[in-house]
Amino acid sequence: MPIATAVKPKAAARKPVARAVLPKTKAAVPAATLTISSKNYSSWSLRGWLMARFAGLDFAEVMVSPDDAAARKELLLLAPSIRVPCLTHEGAKVWNTLAIAQYLNEIRPNAGLMPAERIARAHCRSVSGEMNSGFANLRASLPMNLKGHFPGHKIWAGAQPDIDRIVEIWTECLASYGGPFLFGKQRGMADAMYAPVATRFLTYDVKLNKECIVYCQTIMAMPEMKEWVAAAKLEPDDIEELDMDF
């Protein structure tokens, strides 16, 4: 007789389990890059960086070492054309601080980089342009140095007229627009342009009137300035030519 064999029952077909398909996430890519140099010494880098932050632009920093020949020339005021900071954004490349301000105002018109009122806006452009192209004696004799402090520093006679003119600009703007920033309650392009000057005045204990002292304190109290200064003090490299010994 044939031997009976046990037939195993077929396993019940499994129902497919629905699984949620999670979208692949990509790391956020900044909308722009900003090339800057030393945070301790480069006043132009600070201006461009502040403008981009005030505009709310998402950007990545590209650092150029102070050892780079071109960057060093700019820091020592020996470059024929200042090319740092340089903003790149959606195909545009902008490297003059005034041009950066104008560009940011175009792409972020609601950021308040410039005053809304026509006459105030013209005034803002004028004092910002004066900072962009003038005050050579101040730049040469009082270089930006956020790590340094030189109490009792003797101001070079050639720099005093520059200081007097800046005090005149600040005092007029604060009186005309009510402060605490140069063109009212909204920080903007002019404040970014003159922020490095505020640091110079504090570094070298420049004598100022009460209104300008308060303005310097206002600038240094901004979260962006605190962030920049903290990073500057961590920079390992010093430039002997800019670390004056008085």
Protein backbone atom coordinates (compact mmCIF):
# COMPACT_ATOMS: atom_id res chain seq x y z
CA MET A 1 0.00 0.00 0.00
CA PRO A 2 1.20 3.45 -0.71
CA ILE A 3 2.31 5.34 2.36
CA ALA A 4 0.12 8.30 3.08
CA THR A 5 2.01 11.54 3.38
CA ALA A 6 0.83 14.51 5.38
CA VAL A 7 0.04 17.51 3.26
CA LYS A 8 1.03 20.78 4.92
CA PRO A 9 -1.58 23.43 4.61
CA LYS A 10 -0.57 26.39 2.51
CA ALA A 11 0.31 29.46 4.50
CA ALA A 12 -2.20 32.20 4.19
CA ALA A 13 -1.07 34.92 1.86
CA ARG A 14 0.19 37.92 3.76
CA LYS A 15 -1.45 41.20 3.10
CA PRO A 16 0.94 43.89 2.07
CA VAL A 17 1.62 46.33 4.85
CA ALA A 18 1.21 49.93 3.91
CA ARG A 19 4.33 51.93 4.70
CA ALA A 20 4.62 55.65 4.71
CA VAL A 21 7.07 56.85 2.12
CA LEU A 22 9.10 59.65 3.65
CA PRO A 23 10.38 62.27 1.26
CA LYS A 24 14.12 62.46 0.95
CA THR A 25 15.38 65.48 2.77
CA LYS A 26 18.24 67.56 1.51
CA ALA A 27 20.45 69.74 3.63
CA ALA A 28 19.41 73.36 3.34
CA VAL A 29 21.60 75.15 0.85
CA PRO A 30 22.23 78.83 1.57
CA ALA A 31 20.87 81.15 -1.06
CA ALA A 32 24.14 83.05 -1.32
CA THR A 33 27.78 83.18 -0.34
CA LEU A 34 29.64 86.11 1.13
CA THR A 35 33.41 86.19 0.82
CA ILE A 36 35.01 88.00 3.74
CA SER A 37 38.42 88.41 5.29
CA SER A 38 39.61 88.78 8.90
CA LYS A 39 36.79 89.52 11.33
CA ASN A 40 39.24 91.27 13.62
CA TYR A 41 40.67 93.69 11.08
CA SER A 42 38.47 93.86 7.98
CA SER A 43 36.06 96.77 8.34
CA TRP A 44 34.74 96.26 4.80
CA SER A 45 33.92 92.63 5.53
CA LEU A 46 31.97 93.71 8.60
CA ARG A 47 29.94 96.21 6.58
CA GLY A 48 28.91 93.68 3.94
CA TRP A 49 28.18 91.00 6.52
CA LEU A 50 25.96 93.30 8.57
CA MET A 51 24.02 94.39 5.47
CA ALA A 52 23.35 90.78 4.48
CA ARG A 53 22.23 89.95 8.01
CA PHE A 54 20.02 93.04 8.24
CA ALA A 55 18.41 92.02 4.94
CA GLY A 56 17.66 88.54 6.31
CA LEU A 57 19.58 86.88 3.49
CA ASP A 58 20.57 83.25 4.02
CA PHE A 59 24.24 83.06 3.11
CA ALA A 60 27.35 80.99 3.72
CA GLU A 61 30.61 82.65 4.71
CA VAL A 62 33.68 82.09 2.56
CA MET A 63 36.74 83.12 4.53
CA VAL A 64 39.86 84.46 2.84
CA SER A 65 42.96 84.06 4.99
CA PRO A 66 44.83 87.23 5.97
CA ASP A 67 47.87 85.45 4.51
CA ASP A 68 46.30 85.75 1.06
CA ALA A 69 48.26 88.44 -0.80
CA ALA A 70 45.21 90.29 -2.14
CA ALA A 71 43.40 90.23 1.20
CA ARG A 72 46.50 91.46 3.00
CA LYS A 73 46.83 94.40 0.62
CA GLU A 74 43.25 95.39 1.32
CA LEU A 75 43.69 95.17 5.08
CA LEU A 76 46.83 97.33 4.86
CA LEU A 77 45.06 99.84 2.58
CA LEU A 78 47.43 99.04 -0.27
CA ALA A 79 44.93 97.55 -2.72
CA PRO A 80 43.86 99.69 -5.69
CA SER A 81 40.33 98.26 -5.47
CA ILE A 82 38.59 96.71 -2.48
CA ARG A 83 37.12 93.37 -3.58
CA VAL A 84 36.10 91.95 -0.19
CA PRO A 85 33.35 91.48 0.80
CA CYS A 86 31.94 89.84 -2.30
CA LEU A 87 28.34 88.64 -2.44
CA THR A 88 27.22 85.97 -4.90
CA HIS A 89 23.51 85.32 -5.26
CA GLU A 90 21.54 83.64 -8.04
CA GLY A 91 24.14 84.42 -10.70
CA ALA A 92 24.94 87.92 -9.47
CA LYS A 93 28.37 88.82 -8.14
CA VAL A 94 28.62 92.07 -6.17
CA TRP A 95 31.76 93.27 -4.36
CA ASN A 96 31.47 96.95 -3.44
CA THR A 97 29.68 97.61 -0.16
CA LEU A 98 27.47 100.32 -1.62
CA ALA A 99 26.65 98.04 -4.54
CA ILE A 100 25.89 95.21 -2.09
CA ALA A 101 23.55 97.52 -0.18
CA GLN A 102 21.74 98.56 -3.37
CA TYR A 103 21.45 94.95 -4.50
CA LEU A 104 20.09 93.76 -1.16
CA ASN A 105 17.61 96.61 -1.15
CA GLU A 106 16.38 95.44 -4.57
CA ILE A 107 15.91 91.80 -3.62
CA ARG A 108 14.70 92.50 -0.06
CA PRO A 109 12.82 95.82 -0.35
CA ASN A 110 10.91 95.23 2.90
CA ALA A 111 14.04 94.72 5.01
CA GLY A 112 14.39 98.44 5.69
CA LEU A 113 18.01 98.83 4.63
CA MET A 114 17.14 102.29 3.35
CA PRO A 115 14.52 104.75 4.64
CA ALA A 116 11.14 104.63 2.96
CA GLU A 117 10.87 108.41 2.64
CA ARG A 118 12.53 109.92 -0.43
CA ILE A 119 14.48 112.75 1.22
CA ALA A 120 15.69 110.56 4.08
CA ARG A 121 16.71 107.90 1.56
CA ALA A 122 18.78 110.46 -0.35
CA HIS A 123 20.40 111.54 2.91
CA CYS A 124 21.18 107.92 3.76
CA ARG A 125 22.80 107.33 0.39
CA SER A 126 24.89 110.49 0.77
CA VAL A 127 26.34 109.75 4.22
CA SER A 128 26.90 106.10 3.27
CA GLY A 129 28.71 107.16 0.11
CA GLU A 130 30.84 109.57 2.13
CA MET A 131 31.92 106.68 4.35
CA ASN A 132 32.54 104.45 1.35
CA SER A 133 34.92 106.86 -0.38
CA GLY A 134 36.26 109.15 2.33
CA PHE A 135 37.95 109.36 5.73
CA ALA A 136 41.30 108.02 4.50
CA ASN A 137 43.23 109.54 7.41
CA LEU A 138 40.94 107.90 9.94
CA ARG A 139 41.36 104.52 8.25
CA ALA A 140 45.14 104.82 8.20
CA SER A 141 45.65 106.04 11.76
CA LEU A 142 42.89 104.12 13.54
CA PRO A 143 42.65 100.68 11.86
CA MET A 144 39.90 98.38 13.05
CA ASN A 145 41.22 96.01 15.70
CA LEU A 146 38.53 94.34 17.80
CA LYS A 147 41.08 92.55 19.99
CA GLY A 148 42.92 95.73 20.85
CA HIS A 149 42.31 98.54 23.31
CA PHE A 150 44.58 101.58 23.45
CA PRO A 151 43.46 103.95 26.22
CA GLY A 152 44.88 107.43 26.05
CA HIS A 153 45.76 107.04 22.40
CA LYS A 154 46.98 110.30 20.88
CA ILE A 155 44.94 111.11 17.80
CA TRP A 156 47.02 112.02 14.77
CA ALA A 157 46.23 115.59 13.74
CA GLY A 158 45.35 114.48 10.22
CA ALA A 159 42.64 112.15 11.53
CA GLN A 160 40.86 114.67 13.75
CA PRO A 161 38.97 116.40 10.90
CA ASP A 162 37.64 112.97 9.84
CA ILE A 163 36.50 112.29 13.40
CA ASP A 164 34.86 115.71 13.61
CA ARG A 165 32.97 115.12 10.36
CA ILE A 166 31.71 111.72 11.48
CA VAL A 167 30.54 113.20 14.78
CA GLU A 168 28.72 115.89 12.78
CA ILE A 169 27.02 113.25 10.59
CA TRP A 170 25.96 111.10 13.52
CA THR A 171 24.71 114.02 15.61
CA GLU A 172 22.67 115.43 12.72
CA CYS A 173 21.13 112.06 11.81
CA LEU A 174 20.27 111.15 15.40
CA ALA A 175 18.65 114.57 15.95
CA SER A 176 16.79 114.54 12.63
CA TYR A 177 15.39 110.99 12.75
CA GLY A 178 15.11 110.38 16.50
CA GLY A 179 17.51 107.45 16.89
CA PRO A 180 18.51 105.06 18.26
CA PHE A 181 19.93 104.30 14.79
CA LEU A 182 21.08 106.89 12.27
CA PHE A 183 17.78 106.91 10.38
CA GLY A 184 15.37 106.15 13.17
CA LYS A 185 14.21 102.99 14.86
CA GLN A 186 15.20 100.72 11.97
CA ARG A 187 18.85 99.76 11.64
CA GLY A 188 19.99 99.86 8.06
CA MET A 189 22.60 100.56 5.45
CA ALA A 190 24.10 103.64 7.11
CA ASP A 191 24.50 101.84 10.43
CA ALA A 192 26.32 98.98 8.70
CA MET A 193 28.60 101.49 6.97
CA TYR A 194 29.52 103.26 10.21
CA ALA A 195 29.61 100.25 12.55
CA PRO A 196 33.39 99.71 12.07
CA VAL A 197 33.91 103.38 12.98
CA ALA A 198 32.08 102.80 16.26
CA THR A 199 34.50 99.98 17.04
CA ARG A 200 37.48 102.22 16.20
CA PHE A 201 36.25 104.96 18.50
CA LEU A 202 36.01 102.47 21.35
CA THR A 203 39.33 100.75 20.59
CA TYR A 204 41.25 104.04 20.65
CA ASP A 205 39.20 105.86 23.34
CA VAL A 206 38.20 108.68 21.01
CA LYS A 207 36.50 111.54 22.85
CA LEU A 208 32.88 111.92 21.73
CA ASN A 209 29.77 113.80 22.70
CA LYS A 210 27.05 112.04 24.69
CA GLU A 211 24.85 111.32 21.67
CA CYS A 212 27.67 109.60 19.79
CA ILE A 213 28.74 107.60 22.84
CA VAL A 214 25.20 106.25 23.15
CA TYR A 215 25.13 105.48 19.43
CA CYS A 216 28.37 103.48 19.71
CA GLN A 217 26.86 101.53 22.58
CA THR A 218 23.72 100.89 20.52
CA ILE A 219 25.79 99.51 17.65
CA MET A 220 27.90 97.28 19.87
CA ALA A 221 24.78 95.93 21.62
CA MET A 222 23.27 94.57 18.40
CA PRO A 223 23.17 90.74 18.41
CA GLU A 224 24.94 90.66 15.05
CA MET A 225 27.81 92.79 16.38
CA LYS A 226 28.16 90.61 19.45
CA GLU A 227 28.35 87.55 17.21
CA TRP A 228 30.95 89.14 14.93
CA VAL A 229 33.12 90.39 17.81
CA ALA A 230 33.06 87.00 19.54
CA ALA A 231 34.26 85.33 16.34
CA ALA A 232 36.92 88.00 15.80
CA LYS A 233 38.42 87.38 19.21
CA LEU A 234 38.81 83.68 18.39
CA GLU A 235 40.87 84.34 15.27
CA PRO A 236 44.36 82.93 15.80
CA ASP A 237 46.23 85.16 13.38
CA ASP A 238 47.47 88.66 14.12
CA ILE A 239 48.86 91.14 11.63
CA GLU A 240 51.81 92.97 13.17
CA GLU A 241 51.36 96.03 10.98
CA LEU A 242 47.85 96.50 12.37
CA ASP A 243 48.62 95.59 15.98
CA MET A 244 49.98 98.99 16.96
CA ASP A 245 52.07 99.33 20.09
CA PHE A 246 51.46 102.73 21.64
